[in-house]
Amino acid sequence: MELTGKLNTVTETVDRVAVGAHEVVDRATGAAASVAERAAGVAADVSEKASDVAVGMSNKAASAHYAVDRAADATHLAAEKAVGMAAQVSENV
């Protein structure tokens, strides 16, 4: 009987340790999942911000291209007017 009691005590102790180990594993799993979720959220935020920056840069490049085109048009128009004015001056001379 005494041996059976000791075995029962050992079994109960092993069971408590196993339950404790399961709790530790569950908590570690929960913590790892939480960290992974946060990391995914941070990565998504970074990706979104990088995308926003890329769009902004693309828009600025498009604006710069538009400005260069308008400057080229203005230069061409000014050159045409200068040629026209020079032609009028030479006709009047």
Protein backbone atom coordinates (compact mmCIF):
# COMPACT_ATOMS: atom_id res chain seq x y z
CA MET A 1 0.00 0.00 0.00
CA GLU A 2 2.77 2.38 0.86
CA LEU A 3 4.37 1.80 -2.54
CA THR A 4 1.05 2.41 -4.28
CA GLY A 5 0.65 5.70 -2.39
CA LYS A 6 4.12 6.81 -3.42
CA LEU A 7 3.44 5.83 -7.03
CA ASN A 8 0.19 7.80 -6.94
CA THR A 9 2.06 10.81 -5.56
CA VAL A 10 4.67 10.51 -8.30
CA THR A 11 1.94 10.14 -10.93
CA GLU A 12 0.13 13.23 -9.61
CA THR A 13 3.39 15.17 -9.61
CA VAL A 14 4.14 14.09 -13.18
CA ASP A 15 0.60 15.07 -14.19
CA ARG A 16 0.98 18.54 -12.59
CA VAL A 17 4.34 19.00 -14.31
CA ALA A 18 2.80 17.95 -17.62
CA VAL A 19 -0.10 20.39 -17.15
CA GLY A 20 2.40 23.13 -16.27
CA ALA A 21 4.49 22.29 -19.31
CA HIS A 22 1.39 22.45 -21.52
CA GLU A 23 0.54 25.86 -20.07
CA VAL A 24 4.07 27.08 -20.76
CA VAL A 25 3.88 25.77 -24.34
CA ASP A 26 0.43 27.35 -24.81
CA ARG A 27 1.66 30.70 -23.50
CA ALA A 28 4.79 30.54 -25.65
CA THR A 29 2.66 29.67 -28.68
CA GLY A 30 0.32 32.56 -27.92
CA ALA A 31 3.23 34.94 -27.46
CA ALA A 32 4.85 33.77 -30.70
CA ALA A 33 1.55 34.19 -32.56
CA SER A 34 1.14 37.68 -31.10
CA VAL A 35 4.67 38.66 -32.11
CA ALA A 36 4.14 37.23 -35.60
CA GLU A 37 0.86 39.13 -35.92
CA ARG A 38 2.51 42.37 -34.82
CA ALA A 39 5.42 41.80 -37.19
CA ALA A 40 2.98 41.18 -40.04
CA GLY A 41 1.17 44.39 -39.15
CA VAL A 42 4.41 46.36 -39.07
CA ALA A 43 5.49 44.83 -42.39
CA ALA A 44 2.13 45.75 -43.92
CA ASP A 45 2.45 49.33 -42.62
CA VAL A 46 5.99 49.61 -43.98
CA SER A 47 4.88 48.18 -47.31
CA GLU A 48 1.95 50.60 -47.48
CA LYS A 49 4.19 53.55 -46.63
CA ALA A 50 6.75 52.45 -49.22
CA SER A 51 3.96 52.21 -51.77
CA ASP A 52 2.74 55.69 -50.84
CA VAL A 53 6.27 57.05 -51.22
CA ALA A 54 6.64 55.35 -54.61
CA VAL A 55 3.32 56.79 -55.78
CA GLY A 56 4.34 60.23 -54.54
CA MET A 57 7.66 60.01 -56.35
CA SER A 58 5.91 58.84 -59.50
CA ASN A 59 3.50 61.76 -59.27
CA LYS A 60 6.38 64.19 -58.76
CA ALA A 61 8.20 62.71 -61.74
CA ALA A 62 5.04 63.06 -63.84
CA SER A 63 4.68 66.68 -62.68
CA ALA A 64 8.32 67.38 -63.53
CA HIS A 65 7.84 65.77 -66.95
CA TYR A 66 4.76 67.93 -67.51
CA ALA A 67 6.68 71.05 -66.46
CA VAL A 68 9.53 70.21 -68.85
CA ASP A 69 7.03 69.67 -71.67
CA ARG A 70 5.36 73.03 -70.96
CA ALA A 71 8.76 74.75 -70.84
CA ALA A 72 9.69 73.16 -74.16
CA ASP A 73 6.37 74.32 -75.65
CA ALA A 74 6.93 77.85 -74.34
CA THR A 75 10.48 77.89 -75.72
CA HIS A 76 9.24 76.69 -79.11
CA LEU A 77 6.48 79.32 -79.15
CA ALA A 78 8.94 82.06 -78.15
CA ALA A 79 11.30 80.96 -80.92
CA GLU A 80 8.48 81.04 -83.48
CA LYS A 81 7.46 84.53 -82.34
CA ALA A 82 11.07 85.69 -82.48
CA VAL A 83 11.39 84.36 -86.03
CA GLY A 84 8.12 86.07 -86.98
CA MET A 85 9.23 89.36 -85.44
CA ALA A 86 12.60 89.13 -87.15
CA ALA A 87 10.85 88.52 -90.47
CA GLN A 88 8.64 91.60 -89.95
CA VAL A 89 11.63 93.74 -89.04
CA SER A 90 13.54 92.59 -92.11
CA GLU A 91 10.51 93.36 -94.33
CA ASN A 92 10.25 96.86 -92.88
CA VAL A 93 13.92 97.61 -93.32
